[in-house]
PDB file of N, CA and C in Angstrom:
ATOM      1  N   MET A   1     -15.302   1.518  -7.039  1.00  0.00           N
ATOM      2  CA  MET A   1     -14.779   0.663  -5.996  1.00  0.00           C
ATOM      3  C   MET A   1     -15.781   0.621  -4.857  1.00  0.00           C
ATOM      4  N   SER A   2     -16.080  -0.554  -4.382  1.00  0.00           N
ATOM      5  CA  SER A   2     -16.994  -0.727  -3.270  1.00  0.00           C
ATOM      6  C   SER A   2     -16.178  -0.959  -2.008  1.00  0.00           C
ATOM      7  N   VAL A   3     -16.319  -0.060  -1.055  1.00  0.00           N
ATOM      8  CA  VAL A   3     -15.556  -0.143   0.192  1.00  0.00           C
ATOM      9  C   VAL A   3     -16.499  -0.573   1.297  1.00  0.00           C
ATOM     10  N   PRO A   4     -16.102  -1.574   2.122  1.00  0.00           N
ATOM     11  CA  PRO A   4     -16.960  -2.005   3.221  1.00  0.00           C
ATOM     12  C   PRO A   4     -17.219  -0.854   4.201  1.00  0.00           C
ATOM     13  N   GLU A   5     -18.226  -1.047   5.058  1.00  0.00           N
ATOM     14  CA  GLU A   5     -18.556  -0.041   6.061  1.00  0.00           C
ATOM     15  C   GLU A   5     -17.317   0.298   6.879  1.00  0.00           C
ATOM     16  N   MET A   6     -16.887   1.551   6.796  1.00  0.00           N
ATOM     17  CA  MET A   6     -15.750   2.022   7.580  1.00  0.00           C
ATOM     18  C   MET A   6     -15.799   3.535   7.607  1.00  0.00           C
ATOM     19  N   ASP A   7     -15.018   4.087   8.476  1.00  0.00           N
ATOM     20  CA  ASP A   7     -14.956   5.538   8.613  1.00  0.00           C
ATOM     21  C   ASP A   7     -14.063   6.089   7.505  1.00  0.00           C
ATOM     22  N   ILE A   8     -14.669   6.777   6.541  1.00  0.00           N
ATOM     23  CA  ILE A   8     -13.925   7.374   5.439  1.00  0.00           C
ATOM     24  C   ILE A   8     -14.071   8.887   5.564  1.00  0.00           C
ATOM     25  N   ARG A   9     -12.938   9.568   5.544  1.00  0.00           N
ATOM     26  CA  ARG A   9     -12.936  11.026   5.667  1.00  0.00           C
ATOM     27  C   ARG A   9     -12.298  11.631   4.426  1.00  0.00           C
ATOM     28  N   SER A  10     -12.727  12.815   4.090  1.00  0.00           N
ATOM     29  CA  SER A  10     -12.215  13.519   2.924  1.00  0.00           C
ATOM     30  C   SER A  10     -11.296  14.655   3.374  1.00  0.00           C
ATOM     31  N   PHE A  11     -10.115  14.764   2.751  1.00  0.00           N
ATOM     32  CA  PHE A  11      -9.145  15.802   3.066  1.00  0.00           C
ATOM     33  C   PHE A  11      -8.601  16.373   1.766  1.00  0.00           C
ATOM     34  N   PHE A  12      -8.154  17.619   1.820  1.00  0.00           N
ATOM     35  CA  PHE A  12      -7.513  18.213   0.665  1.00  0.00           C
ATOM     36  C   PHE A  12      -6.041  17.851   0.691  1.00  0.00           C
ATOM     37  N   CYS A  13      -5.542  17.307  -0.406  1.00  0.00           N
ATOM     38  CA  CYS A  13      -4.124  16.954  -0.522  1.00  0.00           C
ATOM     39  C   CYS A  13      -3.437  18.015  -1.368  1.00  0.00           C
ATOM     40  N   ALA A  14      -2.507  18.739  -0.776  1.00  0.00           N
ATOM     41  CA  ALA A  14      -1.808  19.802  -1.497  1.00  0.00           C
ATOM     42  C   ALA A  14      -0.911  19.243  -2.595  1.00  0.00           C
ATOM     43  N   THR A  15      -0.431  18.017  -2.448  1.00  0.00           N
ATOM     44  CA  THR A  15       0.417  17.414  -3.474  1.00  0.00           C
ATOM     45  C   THR A  15      -0.385  17.109  -4.721  1.00  0.00           C
ATOM     46  N   CYS A  16      -1.560  16.490  -4.560  1.00  0.00           N
ATOM     47  CA  CYS A  16      -2.425  16.127  -5.691  1.00  0.00           C
ATOM     48  C   CYS A  16      -3.218  17.320  -6.198  1.00  0.00           C
ATOM     49  N   GLY A  17      -3.539  18.240  -5.309  1.00  0.00           N
ATOM     50  CA  GLY A  17      -4.333  19.396  -5.668  1.00  0.00           C
ATOM     51  C   GLY A  17      -5.824  19.131  -5.691  1.00  0.00           C
ATOM     52  N   HIS A  18      -6.262  18.049  -5.031  1.00  0.00           N
ATOM     53  CA  HIS A  18      -7.691  17.751  -4.956  1.00  0.00           C
ATOM     54  C   HIS A  18      -8.001  17.017  -3.660  1.00  0.00           C
ATOM     55  N   ARG A  19      -9.287  16.821  -3.402  1.00  0.00           N
ATOM     56  CA  ARG A  19      -9.718  16.119  -2.191  1.00  0.00           C
ATOM     57  C   ARG A  19      -9.489  14.623  -2.375  1.00  0.00           C
ATOM     58  N   VAL A  20      -9.062  13.965  -1.306  1.00  0.00           N
ATOM     59  CA  VAL A  20      -8.847  12.520  -1.322  1.00  0.00           C
ATOM     60  C   VAL A  20      -9.598  11.891  -0.156  1.00  0.00           C
ATOM     61  N   ARG A  21      -9.920  10.605  -0.306  1.00  0.00           N
ATOM     62  CA  ARG A  21     -10.621   9.871   0.750  1.00  0.00           C
ATOM     63  C   ARG A  21      -9.599   9.050   1.539  1.00  0.00           C
ATOM     64  N   LEU A  22      -9.640   9.204   2.859  1.00  0.00           N
ATOM     65  CA  LEU A  22      -8.742   8.465   3.747  1.00  0.00           C
ATOM     66  C   LEU A  22      -9.552   7.600   4.695  1.00  0.00           C
ATOM     67  N   THR A  23      -8.977   6.473   5.053  1.00  0.00           N
ATOM     68  CA  THR A  23      -9.569   5.609   6.072  1.00  0.00           C
ATOM     69  C   THR A  23      -8.421   5.042   6.895  1.00  0.00           C
ATOM     70  N   SER A  24      -8.755   4.261   7.877  1.00  0.00           N
ATOM     71  CA  SER A  24      -7.745   3.625   8.719  1.00  0.00           C
ATOM     72  C   SER A  24      -8.005   2.130   8.728  1.00  0.00           C
ATOM     73  N   VAL A  25      -6.939   1.365   8.616  1.00  0.00           N
ATOM     74  CA  VAL A  25      -7.033  -0.092   8.662  1.00  0.00           C
ATOM     75  C   VAL A  25      -6.082  -0.591   9.738  1.00  0.00           C
ATOM     76  N   PRO A  26      -6.318  -1.785  10.270  1.00  0.00           N
ATOM     77  CA  PRO A  26      -5.387  -2.325  11.258  1.00  0.00           C
ATOM     78  C   PRO A  26      -3.989  -2.439  10.671  1.00  0.00           C
ATOM     79  N   GLY A  27      -2.991  -2.200  11.488  1.00  0.00           N
ATOM     80  CA  GLY A  27      -1.610  -2.345  11.046  1.00  0.00           C
ATOM     81  C   GLY A  27      -1.286  -3.801  10.792  1.00  0.00           C
ATOM     82  N   PRO A  28      -0.153  -4.066  10.128  1.00  0.00           N
ATOM     83  CA  PRO A  28       0.224  -5.446   9.850  1.00  0.00           C
ATOM     84  C   PRO A  28       0.550  -6.203  11.126  1.00  0.00           C
ATOM     85  N   GLU A  29       0.313  -7.514  11.097  1.00  0.00           N
ATOM     86  CA  GLU A  29       0.676  -8.336  12.242  1.00  0.00           C
ATOM     87  C   GLU A  29       2.184  -8.479  12.293  1.00  0.00           C
ATOM     88  N   LEU A  30       2.746  -8.369  13.472  1.00  0.00           N
ATOM     89  CA  LEU A  30       4.184  -8.511  13.652  1.00  0.00           C
ATOM     90  C   LEU A  30       4.461  -9.937  14.099  1.00  0.00           C
ATOM     91  N   HIS A  31       4.698 -10.803  13.144  1.00  0.00           N
ATOM     92  CA  HIS A  31       4.898 -12.226  13.437  1.00  0.00           C
ATOM     93  C   HIS A  31       6.091 -12.423  14.368  1.00  0.00           C
ATOM     94  N   GLY A  32       5.819 -13.012  15.523  1.00  0.00           N
ATOM     95  CA  GLY A  32       6.884 -13.326  16.467  1.00  0.00           C
ATOM     96  C   GLY A  32       7.286 -12.167  17.348  1.00  0.00           C
ATOM     97  N   GLN A  33       6.629 -11.029  17.231  1.00  0.00           N
ATOM     98  CA  GLN A  33       6.964  -9.880  18.056  1.00  0.00           C
ATOM     99  C   GLN A  33       5.726  -9.455  18.839  1.00  0.00           C
ATOM    100  N   ALA A  34       5.951  -8.708  19.892  1.00  0.00           N
ATOM    101  CA  ALA A  34       4.835  -8.236  20.702  1.00  0.00           C
ATOM    102  C   ALA A  34       3.946  -7.327  19.868  1.00  0.00           C
ATOM    103  N   ASN A  35       2.656  -7.559  19.915  1.00  0.00           N
ATOM    104  CA  ASN A  35       1.706  -6.713  19.211  1.00  0.00           C
ATOM    105  C   ASN A  35       1.201  -5.640  20.160  1.00  0.00           C
ATOM    106  N   LEU A  36       1.612  -4.427  19.925  1.00  0.00           N
ATOM    107  CA  LEU A  36       1.183  -3.318  20.755  1.00  0.00           C
ATOM    108  C   LEU A  36       0.055  -2.587  20.051  1.00  0.00           C
ATOM    109  N   PRO A  37      -1.059  -2.369  20.733  1.00  0.00           N
ATOM    110  CA  PRO A  37      -2.196  -1.709  20.096  1.00  0.00           C
ATOM    111  C   PRO A  37      -1.943  -0.213  19.918  1.00  0.00           C
ATOM    112  N   ASP A  38      -1.203   0.159  18.843  1.00  0.00           N
ATOM    113  CA  ASP A  38      -0.883   1.567  18.642  1.00  0.00           C
ATOM    114  C   ASP A  38      -1.731   2.194  17.548  1.00  0.00           C
ATOM    115  N   GLY A  39      -2.849   1.589  17.209  1.00  0.00           N
ATOM    116  CA  GLY A  39      -3.745   2.170  16.222  1.00  0.00           C
ATOM    117  C   GLY A  39      -3.488   1.629  14.832  1.00  0.00           C
ATOM    118  N   GLY A  40      -4.331   2.047  13.918  1.00  0.00           N
ATOM    119  CA  GLY A  40      -4.234   1.553  12.561  1.00  0.00           C
ATOM    120  C   GLY A  40      -3.347   2.414  11.687  1.00  0.00           C
ATOM    121  N   GLU A  41      -3.336   2.062  10.404  1.00  0.00           N
ATOM    122  CA  GLU A  41      -2.571   2.805   9.419  1.00  0.00           C
ATOM    123  C   GLU A  41      -3.532   3.615   8.560  1.00  0.00           C
ATOM    124  N   VAL A  42      -3.161   4.835   8.255  1.00  0.00           N
ATOM    125  CA  VAL A  42      -3.945   5.665   7.353  1.00  0.00           C
ATOM    126  C   VAL A  42      -3.743   5.146   5.936  1.00  0.00           C
ATOM    127  N   VAL A  43      -4.846   4.982   5.202  1.00  0.00           N
ATOM    128  CA  VAL A  43      -4.793   4.526   3.816  1.00  0.00           C
ATOM    129  C   VAL A  43      -5.556   5.519   2.955  1.00  0.00           C
ATOM    130  N   CYS A  44      -4.913   5.975   1.885  1.00  0.00           N
ATOM    131  CA  CYS A  44      -5.550   6.871   0.932  1.00  0.00           C
ATOM    132  C   CYS A  44      -6.217   6.022  -0.138  1.00  0.00           C
ATOM    133  N   LEU A  45      -7.535   6.138  -0.251  1.00  0.00           N
ATOM    134  CA  LEU A  45      -8.286   5.361  -1.237  1.00  0.00           C
ATOM    135  C   LEU A  45      -8.169   5.950  -2.639  1.00  0.00           C
ATOM    136  N   ASP A  46      -7.572   7.129  -2.742  1.00  0.00           N
ATOM    137  CA  ASP A  46      -7.411   7.785  -4.042  1.00  0.00           C
ATOM    138  C   ASP A  46      -5.950   7.861  -4.463  1.00  0.00           C
ATOM    139  N   TYR A  47      -5.133   6.959  -3.939  1.00  0.00           N
ATOM    140  CA  TYR A  47      -3.713   6.906  -4.294  1.00  0.00           C
ATOM    141  C   TYR A  47      -3.576   6.729  -5.802  1.00  0.00           C
ATOM    142  N   GLU A  48      -2.648   7.472  -6.401  1.00  0.00           N
ATOM    143  CA  GLU A  48      -2.385   7.387  -7.834  1.00  0.00           C
ATOM    144  C   GLU A  48      -0.890   7.268  -8.075  1.00  0.00           C
ATOM    145  N   GLU A  49      -0.524   6.966  -9.326  1.00  0.00           N
ATOM    146  CA  GLU A  49       0.891   6.847  -9.671  1.00  0.00           C
ATOM    147  C   GLU A  49       1.661   8.118  -9.364  1.00  0.00           C
ATOM    148  N   GLY A  50       1.024   9.281  -9.531  1.00  0.00           N
ATOM    149  CA  GLY A  50       1.689  10.554  -9.266  1.00  0.00           C
ATOM    150  C   GLY A  50       1.997  10.788  -7.804  1.00  0.00           C
ATOM    151  N   CYS A  51       1.533   9.915  -6.930  1.00  0.00           N
ATOM    152  CA  CYS A  51       1.741  10.069  -5.490  1.00  0.00           C
ATOM    153  C   CYS A  51       3.044   9.422  -5.014  1.00  0.00           C
ATOM    154  N   THR A  52       3.910   9.044  -5.920  1.00  0.00           N
ATOM    155  CA  THR A  52       5.128   8.330  -5.524  1.00  0.00           C
ATOM    156  C   THR A  52       6.291   9.262  -5.245  1.00  0.00           C
ATOM    157  N   GLY A  53       6.026  10.519  -4.938  1.00  0.00           N
ATOM    158  CA  GLY A  53       7.084  11.488  -4.662  1.00  0.00           C
ATOM    159  C   GLY A  53       7.831  11.190  -3.376  1.00  0.00           C
ATOM    160  N   ASP A  54       8.637  12.156  -2.967  1.00  0.00           N
ATOM    161  CA  ASP A  54       9.469  11.977  -1.785  1.00  0.00           C
ATOM    162  C   ASP A  54       8.654  11.740  -0.523  1.00  0.00           C
ATOM    163  N   SER A  55       7.532  12.440  -0.383  1.00  0.00           N
ATOM    164  CA  SER A  55       6.702  12.180   0.794  1.00  0.00           C
ATOM    165  C   SER A  55       5.255  12.562   0.528  1.00  0.00           C
ATOM    166  N   CYS A  56       4.375  11.846   1.207  1.00  0.00           N
ATOM    167  CA  CYS A  56       2.944  12.095   1.142  1.00  0.00           C
ATOM    168  C   CYS A  56       2.653  13.322   2.002  1.00  0.00           C
ATOM    169  N   PHE A  57       1.927  14.265   1.459  1.00  0.00           N
ATOM    170  CA  PHE A  57       1.592  15.494   2.170  1.00  0.00           C
ATOM    171  C   PHE A  57       0.824  15.202   3.459  1.00  0.00           C
ATOM    172  N   LEU A  58      -0.028  14.172   3.429  1.00  0.00           N
ATOM    173  CA  LEU A  58      -0.895  13.891   4.572  1.00  0.00           C
ATOM    174  C   LEU A  58      -0.229  13.058   5.654  1.00  0.00           C
ATOM    175  N   THR A  59       0.688  12.143   5.278  1.00  0.00           N
ATOM    176  CA  THR A  59       1.304  11.265   6.276  1.00  0.00           C
ATOM    177  C   THR A  59       2.772  11.567   6.530  1.00  0.00           C
ATOM    178  N   GLY A  60       3.428  12.293   5.619  1.00  0.00           N
ATOM    179  CA  GLY A  60       4.845  12.582   5.770  1.00  0.00           C
ATOM    180  C   GLY A  60       5.744  11.403   5.417  1.00  0.00           C
ATOM    181  N   ARG A  61       5.171  10.347   4.890  1.00  0.00           N
ATOM    182  CA  ARG A  61       5.937   9.154   4.505  1.00  0.00           C
ATOM    183  C   ARG A  61       6.115   9.130   2.987  1.00  0.00           C
ATOM    184  N   PRO A  62       7.078   8.353   2.476  1.00  0.00           N
ATOM    185  CA  PRO A  62       7.219   8.230   1.024  1.00  0.00           C
ATOM    186  C   PRO A  62       5.921   7.728   0.383  1.00  0.00           C
ATOM    187  N   GLY A  63       5.649   8.165  -0.841  1.00  0.00           N
ATOM    188  CA  GLY A  63       4.433   7.758  -1.540  1.00  0.00           C
ATOM    189  C   GLY A  63       4.309   6.257  -1.671  1.00  0.00           C
ATOM    190  N   ALA A  64       5.438   5.555  -1.800  1.00  0.00           N
ATOM    191  CA  ALA A  64       5.412   4.093  -1.932  1.00  0.00           C
ATOM    192  C   ALA A  64       4.814   3.438  -0.694  1.00  0.00           C
ATOM    193  N   VAL A  65       4.943   4.064   0.468  1.00  0.00           N
ATOM    194  CA  VAL A  65       4.374   3.509   1.697  1.00  0.00           C
ATOM    195  C   VAL A  65       2.859   3.431   1.569  1.00  0.00           C
ATOM    196  N   MET A  66       2.249   4.465   0.980  1.00  0.00           N
ATOM    197  CA  MET A  66       0.799   4.462   0.805  1.00  0.00           C
ATOM    198  C   MET A  66       0.393   3.365  -0.175  1.00  0.00           C
ATOM    199  N   ALA A  67       1.179   3.159  -1.224  1.00  0.00           N
ATOM    200  CA  ALA A  67       0.879   2.090  -2.185  1.00  0.00           C
ATOM    201  C   ALA A  67       0.890   0.736  -1.492  1.00  0.00           C
ATOM    202  N   VAL A  68       1.869   0.505  -0.634  1.00  0.00           N
ATOM    203  CA  VAL A  68       1.971  -0.767   0.089  1.00  0.00           C
ATOM    204  C   VAL A  68       0.797  -0.916   1.051  1.00  0.00           C
ATOM    205  N   ARG A  69       0.446   0.146   1.774  1.00  0.00           N
ATOM    206  CA  ARG A  69      -0.689   0.071   2.702  1.00  0.00           C
ATOM    207  C   ARG A  69      -1.977  -0.253   1.965  1.00  0.00           C
ATOM    208  N   LEU A  70      -2.195   0.365   0.800  1.00  0.00           N
ATOM    209  CA  LEU A  70      -3.407   0.116   0.031  1.00  0.00           C
ATOM    210  C   LEU A  70      -3.417  -1.316  -0.493  1.00  0.00           C
ATOM    211  N   ALA A  71      -2.277  -1.799  -0.976  1.00  0.00           N
ATOM    212  CA  ALA A  71      -2.200  -3.186  -1.470  1.00  0.00           C
ATOM    213  C   ALA A  71      -2.455  -4.168  -0.334  1.00  0.00           C
ATOM    214  N   ARG A  72      -1.847  -3.928   0.829  1.00  0.00           N
ATOM    215  CA  ARG A  72      -1.998  -4.831   1.971  1.00  0.00           C
ATOM    216  C   ARG A  72      -3.423  -4.846   2.505  1.00  0.00           C
ATOM    217  N   SER A  73      -4.136  -3.716   2.380  1.00  0.00           N
ATOM    218  CA  SER A  73      -5.496  -3.611   2.907  1.00  0.00           C
ATOM    219  C   SER A  73      -6.513  -4.361   2.048  1.00  0.00           C
ATOM    220  N   HIS A  74      -6.192  -4.611   0.784  1.00  0.00           N
ATOM    221  CA  HIS A  74      -7.093  -5.273  -0.177  1.00  0.00           C
ATOM    222  C   HIS A  74      -8.368  -4.464  -0.402  1.00  0.00           C
ATOM    223  N   LEU A  75      -8.341  -3.167  -0.123  1.00  0.00           N
ATOM    224  CA  LEU A  75      -9.510  -2.324  -0.340  1.00  0.00           C
ATOM    225  C   LEU A  75      -9.711  -2.000  -1.816  1.00  0.00           C
ATOM    226  N   ASP A  76      -8.679  -2.148  -2.604  1.00  0.00           N
ATOM    227  CA  ASP A  76      -8.785  -1.826  -4.023  1.00  0.00           C
ATOM    228  C   ASP A  76      -8.032  -2.870  -4.853  1.00  0.00           C
ATOM    229  N   ASP A  77      -8.340  -4.141  -4.632  1.00  0.00           N
ATOM    230  CA  ASP A  77      -7.695  -5.202  -5.402  1.00  0.00           C
ATOM    231  C   ASP A  77      -7.971  -4.994  -6.885  1.00  0.00           C
ATOM    232  N   GLY A  78      -6.991  -5.284  -7.694  1.00  0.00           N
ATOM    233  CA  GLY A  78      -7.128  -5.113  -9.126  1.00  0.00           C
ATOM    234  C   GLY A  78      -6.587  -3.792  -9.631  1.00  0.00           C
ATOM    235  N   ARG A  79      -6.116  -2.940  -8.738  1.00  0.00           N
ATOM    236  CA  ARG A  79      -5.575  -1.628  -9.123  1.00  0.00           C
ATOM    237  C   ARG A  79      -4.257  -1.769  -9.870  1.00  0.00           C
ATOM    238  N   TRP A  80      -3.401  -2.686  -9.416  1.00  0.00           N
ATOM    239  CA  TRP A  80      -2.074  -2.811  -9.995  1.00  0.00           C
ATOM    240  C   TRP A  80      -1.986  -4.023 -10.904  1.00  0.00           C
ATOM    241  N   PRO A  81      -1.149  -3.920 -11.938  1.00  0.00           N
ATOM    242  CA  PRO A  81      -0.962  -5.087 -12.804  1.00  0.00           C
ATOM    243  C   PRO A  81      -0.278  -6.207 -12.036  1.00  0.00           C
ATOM    244  N   ARG A  82      -0.580  -7.423 -12.423  1.00  0.00           N
ATOM    245  CA  ARG A  82       0.042  -8.591 -11.796  1.00  0.00           C
ATOM    246  C   ARG A  82       1.066  -9.171 -12.749  1.00  0.00           C
ATOM    247  N   ILE A  83       2.192  -9.571 -12.178  1.00  0.00           N
ATOM    248  CA  ILE A  83       3.242 -10.195 -12.974  1.00  0.00           C
ATOM    249  C   ILE A  83       3.593 -11.535 -12.347  1.00  0.00           C
ATOM    250  N   GLN A  84       4.073 -12.444 -13.135  1.00  0.00           N
ATOM    251  CA  GLN A  84       4.578 -13.721 -12.625  1.00  0.00           C
ATOM    252  C   GLN A  84       6.035 -13.514 -12.236  1.00  0.00           C
ATOM    253  N   GLY A  85       6.421 -14.034 -11.101  1.00  0.00           N
ATOM    254  CA  GLY A  85       7.803 -13.888 -10.680  1.00  0.00           C
ATOM    255  C   GLY A  85       8.050 -14.539  -9.340  1.00  0.00           C
ATOM    256  N   VAL A  86       9.284 -14.377  -8.882  1.00  0.00           N
ATOM    257  CA  VAL A  86       9.704 -14.901  -7.582  1.00  0.00           C
ATOM    258  C   VAL A  86       9.769 -13.735  -6.608  1.00  0.00           C
ATOM    259  N   CYS A  87       9.103 -13.879  -5.481  1.00  0.00           N
ATOM    260  CA  CYS A  87       9.099 -12.831  -4.464  1.00  0.00           C
ATOM    261  C   CYS A  87      10.504 -12.697  -3.874  1.00  0.00           C
ATOM    262  N   PRO A  88      11.084 -11.489  -3.915  1.00  0.00           N
ATOM    263  CA  PRO A  88      12.411 -11.292  -3.336  1.00  0.00           C
ATOM    264  C   PRO A  88      12.443 -11.525  -1.827  1.00  0.00           C
ATOM    265  N   ALA A  89      11.298 -11.413  -1.151  1.00  0.00           N
ATOM    266  CA  ALA A  89      11.263 -11.563   0.312  1.00  0.00           C
ATOM    267  C   ALA A  89      11.140 -13.016   0.755  1.00  0.00           C
ATOM    268  N   CYS A  90      10.179 -13.758   0.177  1.00  0.00           N
ATOM    269  CA  CYS A  90       9.936 -15.124   0.666  1.00  0.00           C
ATOM    270  C   CYS A  90      10.395 -16.214  -0.291  1.00  0.00           C
ATOM    271  N   GLY A  91      10.736 -15.841  -1.526  1.00  0.00           N
ATOM    272  CA  GLY A  91      11.227 -16.821  -2.487  1.00  0.00           C
ATOM    273  C   GLY A  91      10.144 -17.633  -3.170  1.00  0.00           C
ATOM    274  N   SER A  92       8.873 -17.375  -2.873  1.00  0.00           N
ATOM    275  CA  SER A  92       7.781 -18.109  -3.506  1.00  0.00           C
ATOM    276  C   SER A  92       7.597 -17.611  -4.933  1.00  0.00           C
ATOM    277  N   GLU A  93       7.230 -18.533  -5.810  1.00  0.00           N
ATOM    278  CA  GLU A  93       6.952 -18.164  -7.185  1.00  0.00           C
ATOM    279  C   GLU A  93       5.453 -18.035  -7.349  1.00  0.00           C
ATOM    280  N   GLY A  94       5.028 -16.971  -8.012  1.00  0.00           N
ATOM    281  CA  GLY A  94       3.604 -16.763  -8.218  1.00  0.00           C
ATOM    282  C   GLY A  94       3.330 -15.362  -8.711  1.00  0.00           C
ATOM    283  N   GLU A  95       2.102 -14.899  -8.514  1.00  0.00           N
ATOM    284  CA  GLU A  95       1.716 -13.562  -8.949  1.00  0.00           C
ATOM    285  C   GLU A  95       2.147 -12.514  -7.940  1.00  0.00           C
ATOM    286  N   LEU A  96       2.712 -11.443  -8.447  1.00  0.00           N
ATOM    287  CA  LEU A  96       3.107 -10.301  -7.635  1.00  0.00           C
ATOM    288  C   LEU A  96       2.377  -9.073  -8.169  1.00  0.00           C
ATOM    289  N   GLU A  97       1.944  -8.188  -7.280  1.00  0.00           N
ATOM    290  CA  GLU A  97       1.344  -6.932  -7.721  1.00  0.00           C
ATOM    291  C   GLU A  97       2.476  -5.937  -7.934  1.00  0.00           C
ATOM    292  N   ARG A  98       2.512  -5.332  -9.118  1.00  0.00           N
ATOM    293  CA  ARG A  98       3.570  -4.371  -9.441  1.00  0.00           C
ATOM    294  C   ARG A  98       3.095  -2.978  -9.045  1.00  0.00           C
ATOM    295  N   LEU A  99       3.652  -2.442  -7.938  1.00  0.00           N
ATOM    296  CA  LEU A  99       3.228  -1.148  -7.413  1.00  0.00           C
ATOM    297  C   LEU A  99       3.885   0.021  -8.135  1.00  0.00           C
ATOM    298  N   ASP A 100       5.105  -0.189  -8.617  1.00  0.00           N
ATOM    299  CA  ASP A 100       5.771   0.784  -9.493  1.00  0.00           C
ATOM    300  C   ASP A 100       6.840   0.042 -10.282  1.00  0.00           C
ATOM    301  N   ALA A 101       7.772   0.759 -10.878  1.00  0.00           N
ATOM    302  CA  ALA A 101       8.746   0.134 -11.780  1.00  0.00           C
ATOM    303  C   ALA A 101       9.525  -1.008 -11.127  1.00  0.00           C
ATOM    304  N   ARG A 102       9.880  -0.877  -9.850  1.00  0.00           N
ATOM    305  CA  ARG A 102      10.661  -1.928  -9.183  1.00  0.00           C
ATOM    306  C   ARG A 102       9.999  -2.508  -7.949  1.00  0.00           C
ATOM    307  N   LEU A 103       8.979  -1.859  -7.400  1.00  0.00           N
ATOM    308  CA  LEU A 103       8.347  -2.291  -6.156  1.00  0.00           C
ATOM    309  C   LEU A 103       7.204  -3.258  -6.434  1.00  0.00           C
ATOM    310  N   VAL A 104       7.256  -4.437  -5.805  1.00  0.00           N
ATOM    311  CA  VAL A 104       6.199  -5.435  -5.958  1.00  0.00           C
ATOM    312  C   VAL A 104       5.665  -5.819  -4.586  1.00  0.00           C
ATOM    313  N   PHE A 105       4.420  -6.312  -4.576  1.00  0.00           N
ATOM    314  CA  PHE A 105       3.779  -6.753  -3.345  1.00  0.00           C
ATOM    315  C   PHE A 105       3.404  -8.219  -3.503  1.00  0.00           C
ATOM    316  N   CYS A 106       3.842  -9.058  -2.566  1.00  0.00           N
ATOM    317  CA  CYS A 106       3.555 -10.493  -2.580  1.00  0.00           C
ATOM    318  C   CYS A 106       2.377 -10.750  -1.646  1.00  0.00           C
ATOM    319  N   GLU A 107       1.291 -11.284  -2.199  1.00  0.00           N
ATOM    320  CA  GLU A 107       0.121 -11.576  -1.367  1.00  0.00           C
ATOM    321  C   GLU A 107       0.369 -12.752  -0.435  1.00  0.00           C
ATOM    322  N   LEU A 108       1.288 -13.637  -0.787  1.00  0.00           N
ATOM    323  CA  LEU A 108       1.554 -14.796   0.068  1.00  0.00           C
ATOM    324  C   LEU A 108       2.190 -14.387   1.387  1.00  0.00           C
ATOM    325  N   CYS A 109       3.238 -13.561   1.322  1.00  0.00           N
ATOM    326  CA  CYS A 109       3.928 -13.170   2.558  1.00  0.00           C
ATOM    327  C   CYS A 109       3.560 -11.765   3.018  1.00  0.00           C
ATOM    328  N   GLN A 110       2.683 -11.069   2.242  1.00  0.00           N
ATOM    329  CA  GLN A 110       2.218  -9.729   2.589  1.00  0.00           C
ATOM    330  C   GLN A 110       3.377  -8.743   2.729  1.00  0.00           C
ATOM    331  N   THR A 111       4.378  -8.878   1.837  1.00  0.00           N
ATOM    332  CA  THR A 111       5.576  -8.055   1.899  1.00  0.00           C
ATOM    333  C   THR A 111       5.761  -7.294   0.600  1.00  0.00           C
ATOM    334  N   ALA A 112       6.212  -6.066   0.718  1.00  0.00           N
ATOM    335  CA  ALA A 112       6.617  -5.285  -0.447  1.00  0.00           C
ATOM    336  C   ALA A 112       8.135  -5.375  -0.566  1.00  0.00           C
ATOM    337  N   SER A 113       8.602  -5.598  -1.784  1.00  0.00           N
ATOM    338  CA  SER A 113      10.037  -5.761  -2.020  1.00  0.00           C
ATOM    339  C   SER A 113      10.434  -5.099  -3.332  1.00  0.00           C
ATOM    340  N   LEU A 114      11.699  -4.762  -3.424  1.00  0.00           N
ATOM    341  CA  LEU A 114      12.233  -4.237  -4.668  1.00  0.00           C
ATOM    342  C   LEU A 114      12.732  -5.389  -5.526  1.00  0.00           C
ATOM    343  N   LEU A 115      12.379  -5.363  -6.803  1.00  0.00           N
ATOM    344  CA  LEU A 115      12.917  -6.346  -7.735  1.00  0.00           C
ATOM    345  C   LEU A 115      14.361  -6.014  -8.012  1.00  0.00           C
ATOM    346  N   PRO A 116      15.188  -7.017  -8.271  1.00  0.00           N
ATOM    347  CA  PRO A 116      16.585  -6.735  -8.594  1.00  0.00           C
ATOM    348  C   PRO A 116      16.674  -5.913  -9.878  1.00  0.00           C
ATOM    349  N   GLU A 117      17.650  -5.024  -9.948  1.00  0.00           N
ATOM    350  CA  GLU A 117      17.837  -4.217 -11.158  1.00  0.00           C
ATOM    351  C   GLU A 117      18.341  -5.108 -12.274  1.00  0.00           C
ATOM    352  N   GLY A 118      17.952  -4.707 -13.490  1.00  0.00           N
ATOM    353  CA  GLY A 118      18.487  -5.454 -14.636  1.00  0.00           C
ATOM    354  C   GLY A 118      17.506  -6.102 -15.485  1.00  0.00           C
TER     355      GLY A 118
END
């Protein structure tokens, strides 16, 4: 993976049991809301399927949050399989990135959503 010039730091992740590369990207734009400059989002460039546990050791957030941040950052496009479907958030039909069994990311609206069960 080729990552543009950015500050990448290496940390030991106790959950994975190995060193991972982290960087920071700007947070998502809050359409229609005040944009407060509160810093970027931490993104793990070594996120794997096994990282979907209850919480990320480094950020304290659910593993799925890191998957969404990585998908939104476009730092590793092509990581997830693409499926044809209707985005549960915006209703557009097109390609969705499948982040896990039910979680998909829509590039059109930049939203992660759960697919309906069934």
